[in-house]
Protein backbone atom coordinates (compact mmCIF):
# COMPACT_ATOMS: atom_id res chain seq x y z
CA UNK A 1 -196.41 -39.27 -70.89
CA UNK A 2 -194.56 -40.11 -67.65
CA UNK A 3 -195.83 -43.41 -66.27
CA UNK A 4 -194.65 -45.43 -63.28
CA UNK A 5 -195.15 -48.99 -62.12
CA UNK A 6 -194.87 -50.72 -58.77
CA UNK A 7 -192.85 -53.94 -58.74
CA UNK A 8 -194.43 -56.50 -56.41
CA UNK A 9 -197.80 -57.68 -57.70
CA UNK A 10 -197.49 -55.53 -60.82
CA UNK A 11 -194.19 -55.92 -62.70
CA UNK A 12 -193.68 -59.34 -61.11
CA UNK A 13 -196.66 -60.56 -63.16
CA UNK A 14 -196.89 -61.33 -66.89
CA UNK A 15 -199.85 -58.92 -67.19
CA UNK A 16 -197.95 -56.06 -65.56
CA UNK A 17 -194.89 -56.66 -67.73
CA UNK A 18 -197.09 -56.71 -70.84
CA UNK A 19 -198.71 -53.40 -69.85
CA UNK A 20 -195.30 -51.81 -69.25
CA UNK A 21 -194.07 -53.06 -72.63
CA UNK A 22 -197.13 -51.54 -74.34
CA UNK A 23 -196.56 -48.19 -72.63
CA UNK A 24 -192.89 -48.21 -73.65
CA UNK A 25 -193.83 -49.15 -77.24
CA UNK A 26 -196.29 -46.22 -77.26
CA UNK A 27 -193.39 -43.88 -76.50
CA UNK A 28 -194.24 -43.24 -72.87
CA UNK A 29 -191.40 -42.52 -70.43
CA UNK A 30 -191.68 -45.40 -67.96
CA UNK A 31 -190.36 -45.41 -64.39
CA UNK A 32 -190.30 -48.00 -61.63
CA UNK A 33 -191.26 -46.80 -58.15
CA UNK A 34 -191.12 -49.43 -55.44
CA UNK A 35 -191.35 -49.41 -51.65
CA UNK A 36 -188.61 -52.05 -51.54
CA UNK A 37 -185.41 -51.32 -49.64
CA UNK A 38 -182.68 -50.43 -52.11
CA UNK A 39 -179.79 -51.86 -50.11
CA UNK A 40 -181.35 -55.28 -49.49
CA UNK A 41 -183.82 -55.84 -52.31
CA UNK A 42 -182.62 -54.11 -55.47
CA UNK A 43 -181.27 -56.98 -57.59
CA UNK A 44 -184.62 -58.28 -58.88
CA UNK A 45 -185.89 -54.73 -59.48
CA UNK A 46 -182.87 -53.94 -61.65
CA UNK A 47 -183.33 -57.23 -63.53
CA UNK A 48 -186.92 -56.24 -64.36
CA UNK A 49 -185.80 -52.77 -65.42
CA UNK A 50 -183.13 -54.23 -67.69
CA UNK A 51 -185.61 -56.68 -69.23
CA UNK A 52 -187.93 -53.77 -70.03
CA UNK A 53 -185.14 -51.46 -71.21
CA UNK A 54 -185.75 -48.97 -68.39
CA UNK A 55 -182.54 -47.13 -67.41
CA UNK A 56 -181.43 -47.49 -63.78
CA UNK A 57 -181.82 -43.72 -63.44
CA UNK A 58 -185.58 -44.22 -63.75
CA UNK A 59 -185.77 -46.76 -60.91
CA UNK A 60 -186.74 -45.34 -57.51
CA UNK A 61 -186.82 -47.05 -54.12
CA UNK A 62 -188.87 -45.44 -51.35
CA UNK A 63 -187.43 -47.80 -48.71
CA UNK A 64 -190.85 -48.40 -47.15
CA UNK A 65 -192.07 -44.81 -47.40
CA UNK A 66 -195.24 -43.78 -49.24
CA UNK A 67 -194.78 -43.44 -52.99
CA UNK A 68 -196.76 -40.25 -53.52
CA UNK A 69 -193.84 -37.92 -52.71
CA UNK A 70 -191.64 -39.56 -55.34
CA UNK A 71 -194.50 -39.56 -57.84
CA UNK A 72 -195.12 -35.88 -57.21
CA UNK A 73 -191.45 -34.87 -57.41
CA UNK A 74 -190.99 -36.74 -60.71
CA UNK A 75 -194.16 -35.33 -62.27
CA UNK A 76 -195.56 -38.80 -62.93
CA UNK A 77 -198.88 -38.60 -64.76
CA UNK A 78 -200.09 -42.18 -64.18
CA UNK A 79 -198.96 -44.74 -61.59
CA UNK A 80 -199.95 -48.43 -61.60
CA UNK A 81 -199.96 -50.19 -58.22
CA UNK A 82 -201.67 -53.13 -56.51
CA UNK A 83 -201.74 -51.47 -53.09
CA UNK A 84 -205.05 -49.72 -52.49
CA UNK A 85 -203.67 -47.65 -49.61
CA UNK A 86 -200.93 -46.26 -51.85
CA UNK A 87 -203.47 -45.51 -54.60
CA UNK A 88 -205.60 -43.51 -52.14
CA UNK A 89 -202.59 -41.53 -50.88
CA UNK A 90 -201.46 -40.74 -54.42
CA UNK A 91 -204.94 -39.49 -55.31
CA UNK A 92 -205.18 -37.42 -52.09
CA UNK A 93 -201.74 -35.83 -52.32
CA UNK A 94 -200.93 -35.42 -56.01
CA UNK A 95 -202.50 -34.50 -59.34
CA UNK A 96 -201.38 -37.84 -60.76
CA UNK A 97 -203.78 -40.52 -61.89
CA UNK A 98 -203.38 -43.69 -59.84
CA UNK A 99 -204.60 -46.99 -61.24
CA UNK A 100 -205.26 -49.95 -58.96
CA UNK A 101 -204.32 -53.20 -60.67
CA UNK A 102 -205.02 -56.71 -59.47
CA UNK A 103 -203.25 -59.53 -61.22
CA UNK A 104 -203.99 -62.81 -59.48
């Protein structure tokens, strides 16, 4: 299964990292899709990817744009995000399942 995770509020939390590790251990193909700007804010994202064993080729920056287009073009089946607006747009514009996560 192709699964993607947001960074801020998801993979920046112990719970989000644990979920990503479980998905990877299950054999899922895991991607990172973040609205961060690649030129200015990529270092921490690549650190997280390396820690999880996710190749850089599976890390996508939308540079502030909505994530649904990237999710659709990659054929992502499930996306985990903490942004309710993004979840709604993913559900409205793709066939992907979008899961709202809230890790306080």
